[in-house]
């Protein structure tokens, strides 16, 4: 099997889990990412390429005899006014249909699991109160493209729409959990740009990986093929409460967050109880927020010591 975006936060956890299960894994990373070999330590076959290169990707699938693709590679920037929509759409839309087309062209069609984001949900709601950012639009478009391929070709496709995934190994300091972990572990006052009241659904990364594995194991079942699955706990936690829990977990409850209440374009979440996922995939989040933050904090403590 093949994992795209294998050197990303979730991708590395997924590769490790697949290897532990005895799978033969090809880990695809971008051509310019030449510093990743040590991450996989020979457990997976590291291959370089661009997900928008149809011929190169088709050859990789054919030569490696891949039977299942976990497509996680994407541009994940969803804030800022200077983002190039072209670059986001090239990676997230063209990258998705290139992979699906390559899988369709194989003598035996290859199954694909597409990683999506809760950001896509706003694009399917009427009277949206926030701007359509290129990232959210690209993820919504990728979902539709994926289901169209499943409906009209011979390949089995499913979509995993992820809530806020957290855990060790996420080095995007602009995201809430890594940024706040870094601040409190360095003894700095954490700053919250919003009013801190909006709630989010936080899923520990190993639970998210378990959802991917559950989909992969059942992808050819009629109730899984062509389905959208939501990787979520159904529980909302406010940003302010999350930051306070991070400070407490790190042993620094004295570091009280400073709430800036700056005007930001935040999405307002509705919370989904994963009944379909429990029934069809036999999956639900198993890690409490307290336990997940404990494991995450331990990872960052070790990282910063190095």
Protein backbone atom coordinates (compact mmCIF):
# COMPACT_ATOMS: atom_id res chain seq x y z
CA UNK A 1 0.00 0.00 0.00
CA UNK A 2 0.97 3.63 -0.42
CA UNK A 3 0.70 6.64 1.91
CA UNK A 4 0.98 10.09 0.31
CA UNK A 5 2.10 12.94 2.55
CA UNK A 6 3.85 10.28 4.58
CA UNK A 7 6.22 12.76 6.21
CA UNK A 8 3.37 14.88 7.54
CA UNK A 9 2.07 14.82 11.09
CA UNK A 10 -0.67 12.21 10.60
CA UNK A 11 1.16 10.46 7.77
CA UNK A 12 4.07 9.44 9.98
CA UNK A 13 1.74 7.98 12.60
CA UNK A 14 -0.18 6.10 9.91
CA UNK A 15 2.96 4.65 8.32
CA UNK A 16 4.16 3.45 11.74
CA UNK A 17 0.80 1.80 12.44
CA UNK A 18 0.69 0.06 9.07
CA UNK A 19 4.25 -1.24 9.47
CA UNK A 20 3.44 -2.57 12.97
CA UNK A 21 0.59 -4.52 11.38
CA UNK A 22 3.00 -6.15 8.96
CA UNK A 23 1.99 -4.18 5.86
CA UNK A 24 4.40 -3.47 3.04
CA UNK A 25 4.30 0.33 2.90
CA UNK A 26 5.54 2.80 0.32
CA UNK A 27 5.85 6.28 1.84
CA UNK A 28 5.49 9.03 -0.77
CA UNK A 29 7.00 12.44 -0.03
CA UNK A 30 7.63 15.48 -2.20
CA UNK A 31 10.78 15.51 -4.29
CA UNK A 32 12.35 18.37 -2.33
CA UNK A 33 11.81 16.61 1.03
CA UNK A 34 15.18 14.90 1.12
CA UNK A 35 15.64 14.95 4.91
CA UNK A 36 13.01 12.34 5.75
CA UNK A 37 14.84 9.03 5.49
CA UNK A 38 15.62 8.86 9.21
CA UNK A 39 11.96 9.27 10.14
CA UNK A 40 11.06 5.84 8.73
CA UNK A 41 14.32 4.12 9.62
CA UNK A 42 14.02 1.64 6.77
CA UNK A 43 10.62 0.32 7.91
CA UNK A 44 8.82 1.71 4.87
CA UNK A 45 10.10 2.20 1.34
CA UNK A 46 10.58 5.92 0.91
CA UNK A 47 9.73 7.21 -2.57
CA UNK A 48 9.86 10.74 -3.94
CA UNK A 49 7.44 12.36 -6.33
CA UNK A 50 4.78 14.97 -6.95
CA UNK A 51 1.14 14.01 -6.59
CA UNK A 52 0.27 16.17 -9.62
CA UNK A 53 2.54 14.18 -11.95
CA UNK A 54 0.15 11.66 -13.50
CA UNK A 55 2.70 9.66 -15.49
CA UNK A 56 5.20 9.43 -12.61
CA UNK A 57 2.49 8.45 -10.16
CA UNK A 58 1.00 5.88 -12.55
CA UNK A 59 4.42 4.27 -13.02
CA UNK A 60 4.93 4.14 -9.26
CA UNK A 61 1.60 2.39 -8.73
CA UNK A 62 2.28 -0.09 -11.52
CA UNK A 63 5.86 -0.93 -10.61
CA UNK A 64 5.19 -1.21 -6.88
CA UNK A 65 2.01 -3.30 -7.23
CA UNK A 66 0.08 -1.04 -4.89
CA UNK A 67 -3.44 -2.16 -3.99
CA UNK A 68 -4.51 0.63 -1.58
CA UNK A 69 -3.64 4.34 -1.37
CA UNK A 70 -4.06 6.50 1.71
CA UNK A 71 -4.05 10.03 0.28
CA UNK A 72 -3.02 12.48 2.99
CA UNK A 73 -0.80 14.89 1.01
CA UNK A 74 -2.22 18.42 0.89
CA UNK A 75 -1.52 22.09 1.41
CA UNK A 76 -3.04 22.62 4.85
CA UNK A 77 -2.88 26.42 5.12
CA UNK A 78 -6.29 27.85 5.97
CA UNK A 79 -5.49 31.34 7.23
CA UNK A 80 -3.97 34.49 5.78
CA UNK A 81 -4.73 36.83 2.93
CA UNK A 82 -1.55 36.24 0.91
CA UNK A 83 -2.15 32.59 0.14
CA UNK A 84 -2.07 31.63 -3.54
CA UNK A 85 -5.40 29.96 -4.39
CA UNK A 86 -3.67 28.45 -7.43
CA UNK A 87 -1.10 26.65 -5.28
CA UNK A 88 -3.75 25.34 -2.90
CA UNK A 89 -5.99 24.12 -5.72
CA UNK A 90 -3.06 22.55 -7.59
CA UNK A 91 -2.11 20.43 -4.59
CA UNK A 92 -5.51 19.67 -3.12
CA UNK A 93 -7.71 19.40 -6.23
CA UNK A 94 -5.34 18.44 -9.04
CA UNK A 95 -3.41 16.23 -6.65
CA UNK A 96 -6.58 14.37 -5.72
CA UNK A 97 -7.90 13.75 -9.22
CA UNK A 98 -4.41 12.85 -10.46
CA UNK A 99 -4.13 10.11 -7.87
CA UNK A 100 -7.65 8.87 -8.55
CA UNK A 101 -7.04 8.85 -12.31
CA UNK A 102 -3.79 6.94 -11.90
CA UNK A 103 -5.58 4.37 -9.75
CA UNK A 104 -8.36 4.07 -12.34
CA UNK A 105 -5.87 3.37 -15.13
CA UNK A 106 -4.27 0.37 -13.49
CA UNK A 107 -5.09 -3.11 -14.86
CA UNK A 108 -6.68 -3.88 -11.49
CA UNK A 109 -8.27 -0.69 -10.11
CA UNK A 110 -6.67 0.51 -6.88
CA UNK A 111 -8.70 1.54 -3.83
CA UNK A 112 -8.23 5.00 -2.33
CA UNK A 113 -8.96 6.60 1.04
CA UNK A 114 -9.05 10.39 0.84
CA UNK A 115 -8.22 12.50 3.88
CA UNK A 116 -10.45 15.56 4.19
CA UNK A 117 -11.10 18.24 6.79
CA UNK A 118 -13.98 19.51 8.88
CA UNK A 119 -13.29 22.84 7.13
CA UNK A 120 -15.11 21.41 4.11
CA UNK A 121 -18.43 21.33 5.96
CA UNK A 122 -19.00 25.07 5.70
CA UNK A 123 -18.97 24.82 1.90
CA UNK A 124 -22.04 22.58 2.02
CA UNK A 125 -24.04 24.86 4.31
CA UNK A 126 -26.49 27.49 3.01
CA UNK A 127 -26.06 31.12 4.02
CA UNK A 128 -22.46 30.69 5.12
CA UNK A 129 -21.41 33.54 7.40
CA UNK A 130 -17.69 33.35 6.60
CA UNK A 131 -15.59 33.71 3.49
CA UNK A 132 -14.84 30.72 1.31
CA UNK A 133 -11.13 30.30 1.93
CA UNK A 134 -9.20 28.40 -0.79
CA UNK A 135 -8.33 25.58 1.63
CA UNK A 136 -11.90 24.87 2.70
CA UNK A 137 -13.12 25.08 -0.90
CA UNK A 138 -10.36 22.75 -2.08
CA UNK A 139 -11.21 20.11 0.52
CA UNK A 140 -14.91 20.28 -0.34
CA UNK A 141 -14.05 19.96 -4.03
CA UNK A 142 -11.74 17.01 -3.35
CA UNK A 143 -14.55 15.22 -1.54
CA UNK A 144 -16.91 15.67 -4.51
CA UNK A 145 -14.24 14.60 -7.00
CA UNK A 146 -13.52 11.48 -4.95
CA UNK A 147 -17.15 10.42 -4.73
CA UNK A 148 -17.60 11.11 -8.47
CA UNK A 149 -14.73 8.74 -9.28
CA UNK A 150 -16.25 6.10 -7.03
CA UNK A 151 -19.67 6.45 -8.66
CA UNK A 152 -18.43 6.40 -12.24
CA UNK A 153 -15.35 4.17 -12.32
CA UNK A 154 -14.36 0.79 -10.98
CA UNK A 155 -12.31 2.05 -8.04
CA UNK A 156 -13.43 1.89 -4.42
CA UNK A 157 -13.12 5.26 -2.66
CA UNK A 158 -14.01 6.51 0.80
CA UNK A 159 -13.49 9.91 2.43
CA UNK A 160 -12.35 10.50 6.01
CA UNK A 161 -13.33 13.99 7.15
CA UNK A 162 -11.13 14.84 10.13
CA UNK A 163 -11.92 17.05 13.09
CA UNK A 164 -9.02 18.78 14.91
CA UNK A 165 -6.30 16.14 15.20
CA UNK A 166 -3.63 16.60 17.86
CA UNK A 167 -0.69 14.64 19.22
CA UNK A 168 3.08 14.41 19.28
CA UNK A 169 4.94 15.21 16.10
CA UNK A 170 2.85 18.16 14.94
CA UNK A 171 5.37 20.95 14.34
CA UNK A 172 2.96 23.47 12.88
CA UNK A 173 3.26 26.06 15.64
CA UNK A 174 0.36 28.04 14.21
CA UNK A 175 -2.03 25.30 15.30
CA UNK A 176 -3.48 25.53 18.78
CA UNK A 177 -2.06 22.47 20.52
CA UNK A 178 1.56 22.63 19.23
CA UNK A 179 1.72 26.40 19.70
CA UNK A 180 0.39 26.30 23.24
CA UNK A 181 2.52 23.30 24.17
CA UNK A 182 5.62 25.14 23.04
CA UNK A 183 4.64 28.28 24.95
CA UNK A 184 3.90 26.65 28.31
CA UNK A 185 6.86 24.25 28.15
CA UNK A 186 9.08 27.30 27.67
CA UNK A 187 7.41 29.10 30.56
CA UNK A 188 5.76 31.69 28.34
CA UNK A 189 2.29 33.19 28.72
CA UNK A 190 -0.03 31.60 26.11
CA UNK A 191 -1.93 34.08 23.94
CA UNK A 192 -5.38 33.36 22.54
CA UNK A 193 -6.12 35.51 19.50
CA UNK A 194 -9.90 34.97 19.59
CA UNK A 195 -12.22 35.33 22.58
CA UNK A 196 -11.49 31.69 23.42
CA UNK A 197 -15.15 30.69 23.63
CA UNK A 198 -15.60 28.83 20.36
CA UNK A 199 -15.61 25.07 20.77
CA UNK A 200 -13.75 22.48 18.74
CA UNK A 201 -13.77 18.69 18.56
CA UNK A 202 -10.29 17.32 19.33
CA UNK A 203 -9.29 13.80 18.29
CA UNK A 204 -6.04 12.20 19.43
CA UNK A 205 -3.85 11.23 16.47
CA UNK A 206 -3.73 7.49 17.25
CA UNK A 207 -7.54 7.40 17.26
CA UNK A 208 -7.55 9.14 13.86
CA UNK A 209 -5.09 6.56 12.53
CA UNK A 210 -7.33 3.78 13.86
CA UNK A 211 -10.19 5.27 11.81
CA UNK A 212 -8.07 5.19 8.64
CA UNK A 213 -7.17 1.56 9.30
CA UNK A 214 -10.80 0.64 9.94
CA UNK A 215 -11.86 2.20 6.63
CA UNK A 216 -9.02 0.46 4.79
CA UNK A 217 -9.96 -2.93 6.19
CA UNK A 218 -13.60 -2.58 5.06
CA UNK A 219 -13.34 -0.47 1.91
CA UNK A 220 -14.87 -3.07 -0.41
CA UNK A 221 -17.96 -3.50 1.73
CA UNK A 222 -21.03 -1.85 0.14
CA UNK A 223 -21.74 0.26 3.23
CA UNK A 224 -18.18 1.65 3.21
CA UNK A 225 -17.43 2.12 -0.48
CA UNK A 226 -18.36 5.65 -1.60
CA UNK A 227 -19.09 6.77 1.95
CA UNK A 228 -18.06 9.87 3.86
CA UNK A 229 -16.89 9.11 7.40
CA UNK A 230 -16.39 11.75 10.07
CA UNK A 231 -13.43 11.24 12.39
CA UNK A 232 -14.72 13.01 15.46
CA UNK A 233 -15.54 12.47 19.13
CA UNK A 234 -18.78 14.43 19.22
CA UNK A 235 -17.48 16.43 22.20
CA UNK A 236 -16.76 20.16 22.06
CA UNK A 237 -14.04 21.86 24.07
CA UNK A 238 -13.56 25.62 24.11
CA UNK A 239 -10.23 27.09 23.07
CA UNK A 240 -9.84 28.67 26.52
CA UNK A 241 -10.51 25.38 28.30
CA UNK A 242 -8.09 23.59 25.97
CA UNK A 243 -5.29 26.03 26.73
CA UNK A 244 -5.91 25.76 30.46
CA UNK A 245 -5.81 21.96 30.24
CA UNK A 246 -2.53 22.12 28.31
CA UNK A 247 -1.00 24.36 30.98
CA UNK A 248 -2.23 22.03 33.73
CA UNK A 249 -0.91 18.94 31.92
CA UNK A 250 2.49 20.58 31.47
CA UNK A 251 2.66 21.35 35.20
CA UNK A 252 2.27 25.08 34.69
CA UNK A 253 -1.26 25.97 35.86
CA UNK A 254 0.17 29.33 36.90
CA UNK A 255 0.50 30.34 33.25
CA UNK A 256 -2.90 31.89 32.68
CA UNK A 257 -3.76 32.53 29.02
CA UNK A 258 -4.08 36.10 27.84
CA UNK A 259 -7.22 36.46 25.74
CA UNK A 260 -6.71 39.06 23.00
CA UNK A 261 -10.27 38.94 21.58
CA UNK A 262 -8.99 40.02 18.20
CA UNK A 263 -11.44 39.78 15.32
CA UNK A 264 -10.77 36.52 13.53
CA UNK A 265 -12.68 34.52 10.94
CA UNK A 266 -13.37 31.47 13.02
CA UNK A 267 -15.68 28.69 11.94
CA UNK A 268 -18.58 27.91 14.25
CA UNK A 269 -18.72 24.15 14.64
CA UNK A 270 -21.70 21.89 15.00
CA UNK A 271 -20.94 18.59 16.69
CA UNK A 272 -21.55 15.23 15.11
CA UNK A 273 -21.99 12.03 17.07
CA UNK A 274 -20.17 9.29 15.14
CA UNK A 275 -22.97 6.71 15.17
CA UNK A 276 -22.40 5.68 11.53
CA UNK A 277 -18.71 5.19 12.21
CA UNK A 278 -19.41 3.09 15.30
CA UNK A 279 -21.93 0.93 13.47
CA UNK A 280 -20.17 0.45 10.12
CA UNK A 281 -16.48 0.77 11.01
CA UNK A 282 -16.67 -0.40 14.64
CA UNK A 283 -14.68 2.75 15.36
CA UNK A 284 -14.93 5.40 18.03
CA UNK A 285 -12.38 7.61 19.73
CA UNK A 286 -10.83 5.70 22.62
CA UNK A 287 -8.50 8.31 24.10
CA UNK A 288 -9.82 10.86 26.56
CA UNK A 289 -8.70 14.45 26.19
CA UNK A 290 -6.77 14.25 29.46
CA UNK A 291 -4.91 11.11 28.38
CA UNK A 292 -4.28 12.44 24.88
CA UNK A 293 -2.84 15.69 26.20
CA UNK A 294 -0.66 13.75 28.65
CA UNK A 295 0.87 11.68 25.83
CA UNK A 296 1.22 14.77 23.65
CA UNK A 297 2.93 16.75 26.39
CA UNK A 298 5.40 13.91 27.01
CA UNK A 299 6.29 13.88 23.31
CA UNK A 300 6.95 17.63 23.21
CA UNK A 301 8.96 17.50 26.44
CA UNK A 302 11.24 14.93 24.83
CA UNK A 303 11.40 16.91 21.60
CA UNK A 304 12.43 20.17 23.27
CA UNK A 305 15.04 18.40 25.40
CA UNK A 306 16.71 17.31 22.18
